[in-house]
C-alpha atoms as a PDB file:
ATOM      1  CA  MET A   1      28.122   4.083 -66.031  1.00  0.00           C
ATOM      2  CA  ALA A   2      28.433   0.868 -67.968  1.00  0.00           C
ATOM      3  CA  THR A   3      25.452  -0.474 -69.816  1.00  0.00           C
ATOM      4  CA  HIS A   4      24.911  -4.170 -69.310  1.00  0.00           C
ATOM      5  CA  HIS A   5      23.291  -6.074 -72.098  1.00  0.00           C
ATOM      6  CA  LEU A   6      21.573  -9.339 -71.426  1.00  0.00           C
ATOM      7  CA  PRO A   7      22.903 -12.174 -73.565  1.00  0.00           C
ATOM      8  CA  HIS A   8      20.794 -12.986 -76.568  1.00  0.00           C
ATOM      9  CA  HIS A   9      18.913 -16.223 -75.955  1.00  0.00           C
ATOM     10  CA  GLU A  10      17.835 -18.334 -78.887  1.00  0.00           C
ATOM     11  CA  SER A  11      14.590 -20.196 -78.513  1.00  0.00           C
ATOM     12  CA  HIS A  12      15.870 -23.527 -79.880  1.00  0.00           C
ATOM     13  CA  GLY A  13      12.774 -23.594 -82.088  1.00  0.00           C
ATOM     14  CA  ASN A  14      10.467 -24.185 -79.132  1.00  0.00           C
ATOM     15  CA  HIS A  15       7.454 -21.967 -78.626  1.00  0.00           C
ATOM     16  CA  PRO A  16       6.022 -21.263 -75.155  1.00  0.00           C
ATOM     17  CA  MET A  17       2.538 -22.274 -76.316  1.00  0.00           C
ATOM     18  CA  SER A  18       3.841 -25.764 -77.074  1.00  0.00           C
ATOM     19  CA  VAL A  19       4.203 -26.249 -73.310  1.00  0.00           C
ATOM     20  CA  ILE A  20       0.534 -25.341 -72.862  1.00  0.00           C
ATOM     21  CA  GLY A  21      -0.386 -27.793 -75.624  1.00  0.00           C
ATOM     22  CA  PHE A  22       1.599 -30.515 -73.894  1.00  0.00           C
ATOM     23  CA  LEU A  23      -0.060 -29.758 -70.541  1.00  0.00           C
ATOM     24  CA  LEU A  24      -3.472 -29.903 -72.230  1.00  0.00           C
ATOM     25  CA  ILE A  25      -2.616 -33.358 -73.576  1.00  0.00           C
ATOM     26  CA  LEU A  26      -1.690 -34.499 -70.064  1.00  0.00           C
ATOM     27  CA  GLY A  27      -4.925 -32.987 -68.719  1.00  0.00           C
ATOM     28  CA  GLY A  28      -6.880 -34.758 -71.444  1.00  0.00           C
ATOM     29  CA  PHE A  29      -5.473 -38.114 -70.397  1.00  0.00           C
ATOM     30  CA  ALA A  30      -6.242 -37.377 -66.739  1.00  0.00           C
ATOM     31  CA  SER A  31      -9.806 -36.398 -67.672  1.00  0.00           C
ATOM     32  CA  ALA A  32     -10.141 -39.579 -69.733  1.00  0.00           C
ATOM     33  CA  ALA A  33      -9.148 -41.660 -66.711  1.00  0.00           C
ATOM     34  CA  LEU A  34     -11.641 -39.816 -64.496  1.00  0.00           C
ATOM     35  CA  TRP A  35     -14.311 -40.221 -67.179  1.00  0.00           C
ATOM     36  CA  LEU A  36     -13.765 -43.969 -67.282  1.00  0.00           C
ATOM     37  CA  VAL A  37     -13.840 -44.312 -63.488  1.00  0.00           C
ATOM     38  CA  SER A  38     -16.954 -42.125 -63.241  1.00  0.00           C
ATOM     39  CA  MET A  39     -18.772 -44.170 -65.861  1.00  0.00           C
ATOM     40  CA  ALA A  40     -17.850 -47.419 -64.102  1.00  0.00           C
ATOM     41  CA  SER A  41     -19.055 -46.142 -60.737  1.00  0.00           C
ATOM     42  CA  GLY A  42     -22.356 -44.811 -62.104  1.00  0.00           C
ATOM     43  CA  ASN A  43     -21.727 -41.080 -61.578  1.00  0.00           C
ATOM     44  CA  VAL A  44     -23.383 -39.842 -64.768  1.00  0.00           C
ATOM     45  CA  ALA A  45     -23.012 -36.096 -64.168  1.00  0.00           C
ATOM     46  CA  VAL A  46     -19.316 -36.381 -63.275  1.00  0.00           C
ATOM     47  CA  ALA A  47     -18.743 -38.703 -66.239  1.00  0.00           C
ATOM     48  CA  ILE A  48     -20.312 -36.191 -68.631  1.00  0.00           C
ATOM     49  CA  LEU A  49     -18.249 -33.342 -67.153  1.00  0.00           C
ATOM     50  CA  CYS A  50     -14.981 -35.307 -67.368  1.00  0.00           C
ATOM     51  CA  GLY A  51     -15.824 -36.410 -70.916  1.00  0.00           C
ATOM     52  CA  LEU A  52     -16.404 -32.808 -71.988  1.00  0.00           C
ATOM     53  CA  LEU A  53     -13.173 -31.717 -70.286  1.00  0.00           C
ATOM     54  CA  MET A  54     -11.294 -34.482 -72.093  1.00  0.00           C
ATOM     55  CA  VAL A  55     -12.656 -33.478 -75.491  1.00  0.00           C
ATOM     56  CA  ALA A  56     -11.939 -29.791 -74.820  1.00  0.00           C
ATOM     57  CA  ALA A  57      -8.371 -30.498 -73.650  1.00  0.00           C
ATOM     58  CA  PHE A  58      -7.518 -32.684 -76.653  1.00  0.00           C
ATOM     59  CA  ALA A  59      -9.160 -30.253 -79.088  1.00  0.00           C
ATOM     60  CA  GLY A  60      -7.311 -27.304 -77.543  1.00  0.00           C
ATOM     61  CA  ALA A  61      -3.977 -29.130 -77.667  1.00  0.00           C
ATOM     62  CA  ALA A  62      -4.518 -30.182 -81.271  1.00  0.00           C
ATOM     63  CA  THR A  63      -5.450 -26.619 -82.239  1.00  0.00           C
ATOM     64  CA  ILE A  64      -2.420 -25.097 -80.509  1.00  0.00           C
ATOM     65  CA  LEU A  65       0.111 -27.582 -81.899  1.00  0.00           C
ATOM     66  CA  THR A  66      -1.369 -27.523 -85.431  1.00  0.00           C
ATOM     67  CA  THR A  67      -1.446 -23.725 -85.511  1.00  0.00           C
ATOM     68  CA  LEU A  68       2.159 -23.491 -84.320  1.00  0.00           C
ATOM     69  CA  THR A  69       3.258 -26.064 -86.886  1.00  0.00           C
ATOM     70  CA  HIS A  70       1.640 -24.131 -89.735  1.00  0.00           C
ATOM     71  CA  ARG A  71       2.756 -20.714 -88.495  1.00  0.00           C
ATOM     72  CA  HIS A  72       6.414 -21.594 -87.905  1.00  0.00           C
ATOM     73  CA  HIS A  73       6.750 -24.243 -90.635  1.00  0.00           C
ATOM     74  CA  HIS A  74       8.302 -26.741 -88.216  1.00  0.00           C
ATOM     75  CA  SER A  75       7.370 -28.735 -85.155  1.00  0.00           C
ATOM     76  CA  PRO A  76       6.584 -26.570 -82.120  1.00  0.00           C
ATOM     77  CA  VAL A  77       8.447 -28.955 -79.822  1.00  0.00           C
ATOM     78  CA  LEU A  78      11.506 -29.855 -81.919  1.00  0.00           C
ATOM     79  CA  PRO A  79      14.175 -27.388 -83.073  1.00  0.00           C
ATOM     80  CA  ASP A  80      14.793 -26.669 -86.732  1.00  0.00           C
ATOM     81  CA  ASN A  81      17.204 -28.980 -88.488  1.00  0.00           C
ATOM     82  CA  THR A  82      19.180 -26.245 -90.238  1.00  0.00           C
ATOM     83  CA  GLU A  83      22.842 -25.298 -90.526  1.00  0.00           C
ATOM     84  CA  ALA A  84      22.297 -22.281 -88.246  1.00  0.00           C
ATOM     85  CA  GLU A  85      20.730 -24.467 -85.544  1.00  0.00           C
ATOM     86  CA  ARG A  86      23.500 -27.067 -85.843  1.00  0.00           C
ATOM     87  CA  GLY A  87      26.127 -24.318 -85.604  1.00  0.00           C
ATOM     88  CA  ARG A  88      24.460 -22.833 -82.530  1.00  0.00           C
ATOM     89  CA  TYR A  89      24.359 -26.271 -80.919  1.00  0.00           C
ATOM     90  CA  MET A  90      28.021 -26.907 -81.674  1.00  0.00           C
ATOM     91  CA  ARG A  91      29.034 -23.491 -80.255  1.00  0.00           C
ATOM     92  CA  GLU A  92      27.040 -23.961 -77.043  1.00  0.00           C
ATOM     93  CA  TYR A  93      27.417 -27.617 -76.241  1.00  0.00           C
ATOM     94  CA  ARG A  94      30.604 -28.897 -77.892  1.00  0.00           C
END
């Protein structure tokens, strides 16, 4: 019986948590818009809730992206600019 090995997949320097950080940034902007609309319409409780959600989303995104940057010594959303990464790109896409 033949053993099938899955091909090795390189991560391109991206980390899965960077996607969560990006989604938190988008959620922070959505909460900021809701906060502004709630303040303008006089809904104080909703405005406070949306403001707290906005601060939490931006703080969480900043924490995730900063931690990944320090841990991996490069941007969590951009691949490394090294010879190995350039060679991998040339093999796969050229």
